[in-house]
Amino acid sequence: MVLKNPDRPDMGNHVIMSGSCLSKIYNEYGVSPFQILDSMARDARVTRLDIAVDIQHGYLDFNKLEQLIEYELITTDADTVHRFRGVTIRGDTIYIGGAQSKLRVRIYDKAAELGNIDYEWTRIELQARKPKADTIKRSIFASGFSASCIPAIISGFVDFPTYGDWQ
């Protein structure tokens, strides 16, 4: 979706592209999200950017993550960490960083969010707001659009060094 404010031409265009939109573009036209970012945002100021790592057919142990947080075995600059438990056995979410923070990580049960799927799926998602969003955009460009830069960017904000390969 592209939005313009006719009363504020100085604001330029506001582009919103959901994950499902990016997936559809990739599946139908072979254009990756990195290529879209390159063509649309190289010279643009990015005010919000969400990046994620999906662990499909695998599950992070939210109880273990909570213990690591409790025993301060987490590396982060965030001031707040909250866990919300799902109503059933599934559906947990851990938020690292406040709702209005420049950086915030959500670790959540994506399978529970989607509902009726027959495999485990955990998502680790970093939401960046300005000016951090633009900094992350530049990091992605500097990496040459390497997919490995996404987990590295996330673990630069939050890491569970004793969990093993959590990403």
Foldseek 3Di string as FASTA:
>chain_A
DWDDDPVCCVVPIDDDADPVNQVVCCVPPVQHPLNVCVVPPPPHQDFKDKDKDKDWLDDDDVVVVVVCVVVVLKDAPAPDWDWDDDPDNFWIWIWGHDPPDQKIWIWHFVDVVVPDDDGTMIMIMIMGGPPVRVVVSVQCVVVVNDPVVRVVVSVVHMDNVVPPPPD
